[in-house]
Every structure is written in C-alpha cells, then in structure tokens.
Amino acid sequence: MAPSDKANAACLQGDLRTECIGVYKVPIDDGIKSYISTPEALQKWAPDLKFVDPIEYASPKSYQEAIDILKQQQYIANNDIKQLLLEGKLELAGKKVLYALPKITISGRYILDELESRIRNSSAAASTESSAAASSTESSSSTSTTSVIDELKIERIENQYNLMNGYWGEIDIEIGQGIRGDLGVSAVAQITILSTLRDVTSSIDDFLITAQIKE
C-alpha cells in the first residue's frame, strides 16, 4: 500500500485485517450506525470500507458482563499482547488490539451510560425528597450543591472513559507505525509500544476505580 493510500485508509471497528492496524477507525455511535449497519448501507455511503457484522461488537447484555469484558481485554493486553510485542510479532499484536478496540469502546460506554443514569436518578430522587421535606433557602442551596457534585462525578467518569479509549487508539497507531518502520529499528519500536501498553492496561483500572466498581 502506498503512503498516500495509507493516509486515506479507514476501517470499521471489528475489521481484523492487517491493513486496518494503525489506521483511522470509524466511531461506533448511534449517529453513524444507520450508515454502516448493513452491507447495502455501507455500499451506499462508504463503498471503500469493508462491512463488519455488528454482532462482532454487540453490546454487553448486563452491567457485570461489561465489566468482565474490560477485565478480560486487560488480561489479554497484560499477557498475550505483551508477549507478542516482546517477540517482535507486531502484526499479531496489532490484530489482538483490533479485536479489543470495539469491545473496549462499547463495554466502557455501557458502564458509563449506566452510571450516568444511576447518578442522575439518584440526584433527582434526592432533590424531590429535599423539596418535599423543607422549603428553606438553606435546603435549596444544599440541593444545588449536590447536583453540581453529581455533574462533576459524571464528567470525571467520562474523562477516564475517553482516556481509556485514547490509550487503546494510541497503541493501535504505534503498532501500525512499528510495522511500517516509522518508529525506527525493531528494538526501539518494541520499547515505545511496550511503554504505551503500560498506559493501556492501567487505563482500564483507572476507569473502573473512577467508576467506583468494586471487586
């Protein structure tokens, strides 16, 4: 593939072809699903992309399943991907990352949406109880403060979710650069990617801790 082709390349998340390592991934979100959910739609709107069956990155069926998926991918990163990188098998490591990306994105989003819903419902319930119990200025101020705190909680969880996705995207790009030789000799590429891998694995811990998920 020529450099210009590589620069313009894009893949759907869940596409495990080697040429998808380190290139732009079409986001998985509700706004774009209708354009990529069927082969016909993809052919119409983005004929250069290879169709990937959405079942390959289906949403978790429960909150606990989403947590388990994140932990499973963290284990794979800490063991399988790390070992492949140490052995210099960048393409195989890159395919493991390609497999993980949609799972990380969707499972993390499931947890984020669930926690946001819980926080907002809890805040709404507390506000209703406070309004019913008292009508003083002090009570209204307390309710307002609680709402601000809840919004900050949601923002912090969202930030950690974005960081987690960011690190996984970064290692995908670096492995692609390593395969193409853009990171220098093999040993230098391995060191660079392994350094990012530490951030990749710790980002899941940080997300789960921030979300206050207990073992």
C-alpha atoms as a PDB file:
ATOM      1  CA  MET A   1       0.000   0.000   0.000  1.00  0.00           C
ATOM      2  CA  ALA A   2       1.400   3.382  -0.998  1.00  0.00           C
ATOM      3  CA  PRO A   3       1.863   6.100   1.674  1.00  0.00           C
ATOM      4  CA  SER A   4      -0.977   8.154   0.172  1.00  0.00           C
ATOM      5  CA  ASP A   5      -3.291   5.129   0.348  1.00  0.00           C
ATOM      6  CA  LYS A   6      -2.328   4.534   3.963  1.00  0.00           C
ATOM      7  CA  ALA A   7      -3.016   8.170   4.862  1.00  0.00           C
ATOM      8  CA  ASN A   8      -6.519   7.952   3.397  1.00  0.00           C
ATOM      9  CA  ALA A   9      -7.314   4.495   4.783  1.00  0.00           C
ATOM     10  CA  ALA A  10     -10.126   3.793   7.213  1.00  0.00           C
ATOM     11  CA  CYS A  11     -11.725   0.699   8.698  1.00  0.00           C
ATOM     12  CA  LEU A  12     -14.790  -0.171  10.685  1.00  0.00           C
ATOM     13  CA  GLN A  13     -14.141  -1.242  14.244  1.00  0.00           C
ATOM     14  CA  GLY A  14     -14.142  -5.027  14.318  1.00  0.00           C
ATOM     15  CA  ASP A  15     -12.344  -5.336  10.964  1.00  0.00           C
ATOM     16  CA  LEU A  16      -9.372  -7.586  11.785  1.00  0.00           C
ATOM     17  CA  ARG A  17      -7.445  -7.313   8.523  1.00  0.00           C
ATOM     18  CA  THR A  18      -3.755  -6.485   8.876  1.00  0.00           C
ATOM     19  CA  GLU A  19      -4.181  -3.340   6.774  1.00  0.00           C
ATOM     20  CA  CYS A  20      -6.514  -1.966   9.456  1.00  0.00           C
ATOM     21  CA  ILE A  21      -3.763  -1.841  12.070  1.00  0.00           C
ATOM     22  CA  GLY A  22      -2.913   1.767  12.857  1.00  0.00           C
ATOM     23  CA  VAL A  23      -5.431   3.421  10.520  1.00  0.00           C
ATOM     24  CA  TYR A  24      -8.489   5.541  11.295  1.00  0.00           C
ATOM     25  CA  LYS A  25     -11.391   3.629  12.854  1.00  0.00           C
ATOM     26  CA  VAL A  26     -14.945   4.779  12.162  1.00  0.00           C
ATOM     27  CA  PRO A  27     -16.509   5.588  15.563  1.00  0.00           C
ATOM     28  CA  ILE A  28     -19.207   3.347  16.969  1.00  0.00           C
ATOM     29  CA  ASP A  29     -22.059   5.631  17.927  1.00  0.00           C
ATOM     30  CA  ASP A  30     -25.786   5.971  17.360  1.00  0.00           C
ATOM     31  CA  GLY A  31     -25.355   8.788  14.879  1.00  0.00           C
ATOM     32  CA  ILE A  32     -23.413   6.659  12.428  1.00  0.00           C
ATOM     33  CA  LYS A  33     -24.965   3.209  12.929  1.00  0.00           C
ATOM     34  CA  SER A  34     -27.552   3.614  10.191  1.00  0.00           C
ATOM     35  CA  TYR A  35     -24.775   4.218   7.658  1.00  0.00           C
ATOM     36  CA  ILE A  36     -22.739   1.106   8.497  1.00  0.00           C
ATOM     37  CA  SER A  37     -25.224  -1.399   9.942  1.00  0.00           C
ATOM     38  CA  THR A  38     -25.862  -3.292   6.700  1.00  0.00           C
ATOM     39  CA  PRO A  39     -23.775  -4.116   3.621  1.00  0.00           C
ATOM     40  CA  GLU A  40     -26.244  -2.142   1.486  1.00  0.00           C
ATOM     41  CA  ALA A  41     -25.994   0.989   3.634  1.00  0.00           C
ATOM     42  CA  LEU A  42     -22.207   0.794   3.738  1.00  0.00           C
ATOM     43  CA  GLN A  43     -22.032   0.324  -0.023  1.00  0.00           C
ATOM     44  CA  LYS A  44     -24.150   3.429  -0.478  1.00  0.00           C
ATOM     45  CA  TRP A  45     -22.411   5.746   1.979  1.00  0.00           C
ATOM     46  CA  ALA A  46     -18.864   4.377   2.252  1.00  0.00           C
ATOM     47  CA  PRO A  47     -18.154   1.847  -0.509  1.00  0.00           C
ATOM     48  CA  ASP A  48     -14.411   1.826   0.214  1.00  0.00           C
ATOM     49  CA  LEU A  49     -14.977   0.266   3.654  1.00  0.00           C
ATOM     50  CA  LYS A  50     -15.302  -3.447   4.324  1.00  0.00           C
ATOM     51  CA  PHE A  51     -18.551  -4.401   6.033  1.00  0.00           C
ATOM     52  CA  VAL A  52     -18.237  -5.868   9.539  1.00  0.00           C
ATOM     53  CA  ASP A  53     -21.230  -7.626  11.044  1.00  0.00           C
ATOM     54  CA  PRO A  54     -22.356  -5.612  14.124  1.00  0.00           C
ATOM     55  CA  ILE A  55     -22.701  -8.899  16.019  1.00  0.00           C
ATOM     56  CA  GLU A  56     -18.901  -8.930  16.241  1.00  0.00           C
ATOM     57  CA  TYR A  57     -19.048  -5.979  18.612  1.00  0.00           C
ATOM     58  CA  ALA A  58     -22.518  -6.416  20.101  1.00  0.00           C
ATOM     59  CA  SER A  59     -23.324  -4.546  23.305  1.00  0.00           C
ATOM     60  CA  PRO A  60     -22.953  -6.369  26.641  1.00  0.00           C
ATOM     61  CA  LYS A  61     -26.205  -7.796  27.973  1.00  0.00           C
ATOM     62  CA  SER A  62     -25.558  -6.679  31.542  1.00  0.00           C
ATOM     63  CA  TYR A  63     -23.532  -4.287  33.661  1.00  0.00           C
ATOM     64  CA  GLN A  64     -21.417  -7.130  35.054  1.00  0.00           C
ATOM     65  CA  GLU A  65     -20.764  -8.525  31.586  1.00  0.00           C
ATOM     66  CA  ALA A  66     -19.424  -5.122  30.518  1.00  0.00           C
ATOM     67  CA  ILE A  67     -17.056  -5.109  33.498  1.00  0.00           C
ATOM     68  CA  ASP A  68     -15.935  -8.665  32.743  1.00  0.00           C
ATOM     69  CA  ILE A  69     -15.216  -7.786  29.110  1.00  0.00           C
ATOM     70  CA  LEU A  70     -12.987  -4.870  30.128  1.00  0.00           C
ATOM     71  CA  LYS A  71     -11.098  -7.038  32.604  1.00  0.00           C
ATOM     72  CA  GLN A  72     -10.724  -9.798  30.026  1.00  0.00           C
ATOM     73  CA  GLN A  73      -9.212  -7.410  27.498  1.00  0.00           C
ATOM     74  CA  GLN A  74      -6.929  -6.019  30.190  1.00  0.00           C
ATOM     75  CA  TYR A  75      -5.707  -9.550  30.896  1.00  0.00           C
ATOM     76  CA  ILE A  76      -5.108 -10.158  27.192  1.00  0.00           C
ATOM     77  CA  ALA A  77      -3.142  -6.909  26.949  1.00  0.00           C
ATOM     78  CA  ASN A  78      -1.050  -7.740  30.011  1.00  0.00           C
ATOM     79  CA  ASN A  79      -0.257 -11.232  28.760  1.00  0.00           C
ATOM     80  CA  ASP A  80      -0.909 -12.079  25.111  1.00  0.00           C
ATOM     81  CA  ILE A  81      -0.269  -8.677  23.554  1.00  0.00           C
ATOM     82  CA  LYS A  82       2.751  -8.016  25.764  1.00  0.00           C
ATOM     83  CA  GLN A  83       4.310 -11.377  24.895  1.00  0.00           C
ATOM     84  CA  LEU A  84       3.758 -10.865  21.173  1.00  0.00           C
ATOM     85  CA  LEU A  85       5.393  -7.443  21.381  1.00  0.00           C
ATOM     86  CA  LEU A  86       8.364  -8.866  23.267  1.00  0.00           C
ATOM     87  CA  GLU A  87       8.761 -11.437  20.498  1.00  0.00           C
ATOM     88  CA  GLY A  88       8.574  -8.727  17.849  1.00  0.00           C
ATOM     89  CA  LYS A  89       5.343 -10.125  16.370  1.00  0.00           C
ATOM     90  CA  LEU A  90       3.782  -6.737  15.745  1.00  0.00           C
ATOM     91  CA  GLU A  91       1.138  -7.855  13.269  1.00  0.00           C
ATOM     92  CA  LEU A  92      -0.247 -10.483  15.630  1.00  0.00           C
ATOM     93  CA  ALA A  93      -0.198  -7.975  18.497  1.00  0.00           C
ATOM     94  CA  GLY A  94      -1.936  -5.452  16.270  1.00  0.00           C
ATOM     95  CA  LYS A  95      -4.716  -7.907  15.433  1.00  0.00           C
ATOM     96  CA  LYS A  96      -5.283  -8.523  19.145  1.00  0.00           C
ATOM     97  CA  VAL A  97      -5.673  -4.767  19.545  1.00  0.00           C
ATOM     98  CA  LEU A  98      -8.091  -4.606  16.604  1.00  0.00           C
ATOM     99  CA  TYR A  99     -10.180  -7.299  18.282  1.00  0.00           C
ATOM    100  CA  ALA A 100     -10.148  -5.423  21.590  1.00  0.00           C
ATOM    101  CA  LEU A 101     -10.987  -1.915  20.339  1.00  0.00           C
ATOM    102  CA  PRO A 102     -14.750  -2.330  19.781  1.00  0.00           C
ATOM    103  CA  LYS A 103     -15.101  -4.348  22.960  1.00  0.00           C
ATOM    104  CA  ILE A 104     -13.377  -1.634  24.988  1.00  0.00           C
ATOM    105  CA  THR A 105     -15.409   1.119  23.338  1.00  0.00           C
ATOM    106  CA  ILE A 106     -18.829  -0.491  23.716  1.00  0.00           C
ATOM    107  CA  SER A 107     -18.348  -2.069  27.148  1.00  0.00           C
ATOM    108  CA  GLY A 108     -16.935   1.166  28.521  1.00  0.00           C
ATOM    109  CA  ARG A 109     -19.837   3.115  27.048  1.00  0.00           C
ATOM    110  CA  TYR A 110     -22.324   0.664  28.584  1.00  0.00           C
ATOM    111  CA  ILE A 111     -20.798   1.225  32.025  1.00  0.00           C
ATOM    112  CA  LEU A 112     -20.607   4.987  31.510  1.00  0.00           C
ATOM    113  CA  ASP A 113     -24.256   5.247  30.437  1.00  0.00           C
ATOM    114  CA  GLU A 114     -25.420   3.042  33.299  1.00  0.00           C
ATOM    115  CA  LEU A 115     -23.507   5.033  35.912  1.00  0.00           C
ATOM    116  CA  GLU A 116     -24.670   8.341  34.472  1.00  0.00           C
ATOM    117  CA  SER A 117     -28.269   7.118  34.639  1.00  0.00           C
ATOM    118  CA  ARG A 118     -27.833   5.966  38.250  1.00  0.00           C
ATOM    119  CA  ILE A 119     -26.249   9.249  39.328  1.00  0.00           C
ATOM    120  CA  ARG A 120     -28.895  11.389  37.647  1.00  0.00           C
ATOM    121  CA  ASN A 121     -31.759   9.259  39.019  1.00  0.00           C
ATOM    122  CA  SER A 122     -30.267   9.393  42.498  1.00  0.00           C
ATOM    123  CA  SER A 123     -29.817  13.157  42.255  1.00  0.00           C
ATOM    124  CA  ALA A 124     -33.394  13.619  41.028  1.00  0.00           C
ATOM    125  CA  ALA A 125     -34.748  11.480  43.867  1.00  0.00           C
ATOM    126  CA  ALA A 126     -32.701  13.396  46.450  1.00  0.00           C
ATOM    127  CA  SER A 127     -33.898  16.711  45.033  1.00  0.00           C
ATOM    128  CA  THR A 128     -37.536  15.614  45.235  1.00  0.00           C
ATOM    129  CA  GLU A 129     -37.156  14.452  48.832  1.00  0.00           C
ATOM    130  CA  SER A 130     -35.373  17.662  49.802  1.00  0.00           C
ATOM    131  CA  SER A 131     -38.081  19.838  48.238  1.00  0.00           C
ATOM    132  CA  ALA A 132     -40.809  17.891  49.992  1.00  0.00           C
ATOM    133  CA  ALA A 133     -39.078  17.934  53.362  1.00  0.00           C
ATOM    134  CA  ALA A 134     -38.138  21.609  53.564  1.00  0.00           C
ATOM    135  CA  SER A 135     -38.594  24.885  51.761  1.00  0.00           C
ATOM    136  CA  SER A 136     -35.850  26.940  53.384  1.00  0.00           C
ATOM    137  CA  THR A 137     -33.162  28.779  51.387  1.00  0.00           C
ATOM    138  CA  GLU A 138     -30.512  26.609  53.050  1.00  0.00           C
ATOM    139  CA  SER A 139     -32.194  23.444  51.793  1.00  0.00           C
ATOM    140  CA  SER A 140     -32.364  24.742  48.214  1.00  0.00           C
ATOM    141  CA  SER A 141     -28.672  25.624  48.320  1.00  0.00           C
ATOM    142  CA  SER A 142     -27.812  22.126  49.539  1.00  0.00           C
ATOM    143  CA  THR A 143     -29.762  20.531  46.702  1.00  0.00           C
ATOM    144  CA  SER A 144     -27.991  22.735  44.152  1.00  0.00           C
ATOM    145  CA  THR A 145     -24.586  21.777  45.570  1.00  0.00           C
ATOM    146  CA  THR A 146     -25.470  18.091  45.384  1.00  0.00           C
ATOM    147  CA  SER A 147     -26.406  18.500  41.719  1.00  0.00           C
ATOM    148  CA  VAL A 148     -23.048  20.161  40.939  1.00  0.00           C
ATOM    149  CA  ILE A 149     -21.178  17.341  42.679  1.00  0.00           C
ATOM    150  CA  ASP A 150     -23.095  14.742  40.670  1.00  0.00           C
ATOM    151  CA  GLU A 151     -22.245  16.525  37.409  1.00  0.00           C
ATOM    152  CA  LEU A 152     -18.579  16.533  38.395  1.00  0.00           C
ATOM    153  CA  LYS A 153     -18.754  12.791  39.074  1.00  0.00           C
ATOM    154  CA  ILE A 154     -20.192  12.193  35.610  1.00  0.00           C
ATOM    155  CA  GLU A 155     -17.572  14.423  33.994  1.00  0.00           C
ATOM    156  CA  ARG A 156     -14.738  12.594  35.766  1.00  0.00           C
ATOM    157  CA  ILE A 157     -16.024   9.189  34.653  1.00  0.00           C
ATOM    158  CA  GLU A 158     -16.395  10.457  31.079  1.00  0.00           C
ATOM    159  CA  ASN A 159     -12.828  11.786  31.142  1.00  0.00           C
ATOM    160  CA  GLN A 160     -11.472   8.424  32.277  1.00  0.00           C
ATOM    161  CA  TYR A 161     -13.520   6.669  29.605  1.00  0.00           C
ATOM    162  CA  ASN A 162     -12.046   8.950  26.948  1.00  0.00           C
ATOM    163  CA  LEU A 163      -8.524   8.399  28.299  1.00  0.00           C
ATOM    164  CA  MET A 164      -9.016   4.635  28.174  1.00  0.00           C
ATOM    165  CA  ASN A 165     -10.155   4.775  24.551  1.00  0.00           C
ATOM    166  CA  GLY A 166      -7.369   7.205  23.764  1.00  0.00           C
ATOM    167  CA  TYR A 167      -4.615   4.901  25.011  1.00  0.00           C
ATOM    168  CA  TRP A 168      -6.041   1.912  23.128  1.00  0.00           C
ATOM    169  CA  GLY A 169      -6.205   4.015  19.983  1.00  0.00           C
ATOM    170  CA  GLU A 170      -2.646   5.202  20.558  1.00  0.00           C
ATOM    171  CA  ILE A 171      -1.205   1.713  20.790  1.00  0.00           C
ATOM    172  CA  ASP A 172      -3.069   0.736  17.624  1.00  0.00           C
ATOM    173  CA  ILE A 173      -1.406   3.641  15.818  1.00  0.00           C
ATOM    174  CA  GLU A 174       2.039   2.884  17.257  1.00  0.00           C
ATOM    175  CA  ILE A 175       1.889  -0.786  16.255  1.00  0.00           C
ATOM    176  CA  GLY A 176       0.955   0.324  12.740  1.00  0.00           C
ATOM    177  CA  GLN A 177       3.925   2.694  12.742  1.00  0.00           C
ATOM    178  CA  GLY A 178       6.153  -0.099  14.012  1.00  0.00           C
ATOM    179  CA  ILE A 179       5.038  -2.424  11.226  1.00  0.00           C
ATOM    180  CA  ARG A 180       5.804   0.241   8.620  1.00  0.00           C
ATOM    181  CA  GLY A 181       9.186   1.024  10.201  1.00  0.00           C
ATOM    182  CA  ASP A 182       8.224   4.557  11.190  1.00  0.00           C
ATOM    183  CA  LEU A 183       9.443   4.030  14.781  1.00  0.00           C
ATOM    184  CA  GLY A 184      12.960   3.043  13.779  1.00  0.00           C
ATOM    185  CA  VAL A 185      14.631  -0.312  14.323  1.00  0.00           C
ATOM    186  CA  SER A 186      12.650  -3.169  15.848  1.00  0.00           C
ATOM    187  CA  ALA A 187      14.078  -2.806  19.363  1.00  0.00           C
ATOM    188  CA  VAL A 188      13.185   0.884  19.542  1.00  0.00           C
ATOM    189  CA  ALA A 189       9.694   0.193  18.248  1.00  0.00           C
ATOM    190  CA  GLN A 190       9.163  -2.531  20.850  1.00  0.00           C
ATOM    191  CA  ILE A 191      10.267  -0.253  23.711  1.00  0.00           C
ATOM    192  CA  THR A 192       7.998   2.565  22.529  1.00  0.00           C
ATOM    193  CA  ILE A 193       4.951   0.320  22.158  1.00  0.00           C
ATOM    194  CA  LEU A 194       5.546  -1.534  25.424  1.00  0.00           C
ATOM    195  CA  SER A 195       5.696   1.808  27.224  1.00  0.00           C
ATOM    196  CA  THR A 196       2.277   2.697  25.828  1.00  0.00           C
ATOM    197  CA  LEU A 197       0.994  -0.761  26.751  1.00  0.00           C
ATOM    198  CA  ARG A 198       1.511   0.095  30.427  1.00  0.00           C
ATOM    199  CA  ASP A 199      -0.807   3.058  29.988  1.00  0.00           C
ATOM    200  CA  VAL A 200      -3.284   0.888  28.092  1.00  0.00           C
ATOM    201  CA  THR A 201      -3.629  -1.638  30.896  1.00  0.00           C
ATOM    202  CA  SER A 202      -3.640   0.891  33.732  1.00  0.00           C
ATOM    203  CA  SER A 203      -6.282   2.968  31.940  1.00  0.00           C
ATOM    204  CA  ILE A 204      -8.835   0.193  32.483  1.00  0.00           C
ATOM    205  CA  ASP A 205      -8.017   0.093  36.201  1.00  0.00           C
ATOM    206  CA  ASP A 206      -8.344   3.876  36.381  1.00  0.00           C
ATOM    207  CA  PHE A 207     -11.699   3.790  34.610  1.00  0.00           C
ATOM    208  CA  LEU A 208     -13.101   1.068  36.864  1.00  0.00           C
ATOM    209  CA  ILE A 209     -11.778   2.757  40.019  1.00  0.00           C
ATOM    210  CA  THR A 210     -13.162   6.126  38.970  1.00  0.00           C
ATOM    211  CA  ALA A 211     -16.490   4.466  38.282  1.00  0.00           C
ATOM    212  CA  GLN A 212     -16.262   3.039  41.838  1.00  0.00           C
ATOM    213  CA  ILE A 213     -16.608  -0.525  40.682  1.00  0.00           C
ATOM    214  CA  LYS A 214     -15.625  -2.974  43.385  1.00  0.00           C
ATOM    215  CA  GLU A 215     -14.328  -6.475  43.016  1.00  0.00           C
END
